[in-house]
Amino acid sequence: MAKSRAASRKKPNAIVRFFRETVAELKKVNWPTRQEATQLTVIVLLVVIAMSTLLGVLDYLFSRLFGFIVGLG
């Protein structure tokens, strides 16, 4: 009789268990408000624009510098 109980208590499917655990974890997440998400997105975009501008200017200056050095040789 012990075997019949064990047979009736199957483990849940691994995929089903994965999705159940995923949903449970997502319910624990402290999601940002729309305003917080918007503010953080603007900050990220500004930093990306500033850094790409800085790297572009540095690239231009170094290419001109190396061009000048190679041109003299």
Protein backbone atom coordinates (compact mmCIF):
# COMPACT_ATOMS: atom_id res chain seq x y z
CA MET A 1 0.00 0.00 0.00
CA ALA A 2 2.93 2.34 0.62
CA LYS A 3 3.94 2.00 -3.00
CA SER A 4 0.54 3.07 -4.28
CA ARG A 5 0.70 6.28 -2.20
CA ALA A 6 4.18 7.03 -3.49
CA ALA A 7 3.06 6.39 -7.04
CA SER A 8 0.09 8.73 -6.69
CA ARG A 9 2.30 11.54 -5.33
CA LYS A 10 4.32 12.38 -8.42
CA LYS A 11 6.78 15.19 -8.51
CA PRO A 12 5.48 18.13 -10.52
CA ASN A 13 6.85 18.51 -13.99
CA ALA A 14 10.17 20.41 -13.98
CA ILE A 15 8.88 23.01 -16.44
CA VAL A 16 5.70 23.60 -14.43
CA ARG A 17 7.75 23.91 -11.25
CA PHE A 18 10.11 26.36 -12.93
CA PHE A 19 7.25 28.65 -13.99
CA ARG A 20 5.57 28.46 -10.58
CA GLU A 21 8.80 29.39 -8.83
CA THR A 22 9.44 32.17 -11.35
CA VAL A 23 6.01 33.69 -10.74
CA ALA A 24 6.55 33.43 -6.98
CA GLU A 25 9.89 35.26 -7.25
CA LEU A 26 8.43 37.97 -9.49
CA LYS A 27 5.76 38.65 -6.87
CA LYS A 28 8.55 39.41 -4.37
CA VAL A 29 10.15 42.06 -6.61
CA ASN A 30 9.81 45.68 -5.53
CA TRP A 31 8.84 47.20 -8.90
CA PRO A 32 9.59 50.91 -9.49
CA THR A 33 6.76 53.33 -10.10
CA ARG A 34 6.25 54.76 -13.57
CA GLN A 35 7.79 58.05 -12.45
CA GLU A 36 10.89 56.33 -11.03
CA ALA A 37 11.32 54.26 -14.18
CA THR A 38 11.03 57.36 -16.36
CA GLN A 39 13.55 59.29 -14.27
CA LEU A 40 16.05 56.44 -14.32
CA THR A 41 15.62 56.02 -18.08
CA VAL A 42 16.33 59.73 -18.64
CA ILE A 43 19.44 59.52 -16.45
CA VAL A 44 20.73 56.50 -18.40
CA LEU A 45 20.12 58.22 -21.74
CA LEU A 46 21.91 61.38 -20.60
CA VAL A 47 24.93 59.43 -19.37
CA VAL A 48 25.08 57.43 -22.61
CA ILE A 49 24.91 60.61 -24.71
CA ALA A 50 27.57 62.34 -22.58
CA MET A 51 29.94 59.38 -22.66
CA SER A 52 29.52 58.80 -26.41
CA THR A 53 30.22 62.50 -27.04
CA LEU A 54 33.31 62.38 -24.83
CA LEU A 55 34.61 59.23 -26.51
CA GLY A 56 33.89 60.68 -29.97
CA VAL A 57 35.84 63.84 -29.17
CA LEU A 58 38.75 61.85 -27.73
CA ASP A 59 38.77 59.57 -30.78
CA TYR A 60 38.84 62.58 -33.10
CA LEU A 61 41.66 64.25 -31.14
CA PHE A 62 43.80 61.11 -30.96
CA SER A 63 43.30 60.34 -34.64
CA ARG A 64 44.38 63.88 -35.54
CA LEU A 65 47.36 63.58 -33.16
CA PHE A 66 48.51 60.27 -34.61
CA GLY A 67 47.95 61.56 -38.12
CA PHE A 68 50.15 64.54 -37.32
CA ILE A 69 52.86 62.29 -35.81
CA VAL A 70 52.84 59.88 -38.75
CA GLY A 71 52.77 62.79 -41.23
CA LEU A 72 55.99 64.20 -39.79
CA GLY A 73 57.87 60.90 -40.16
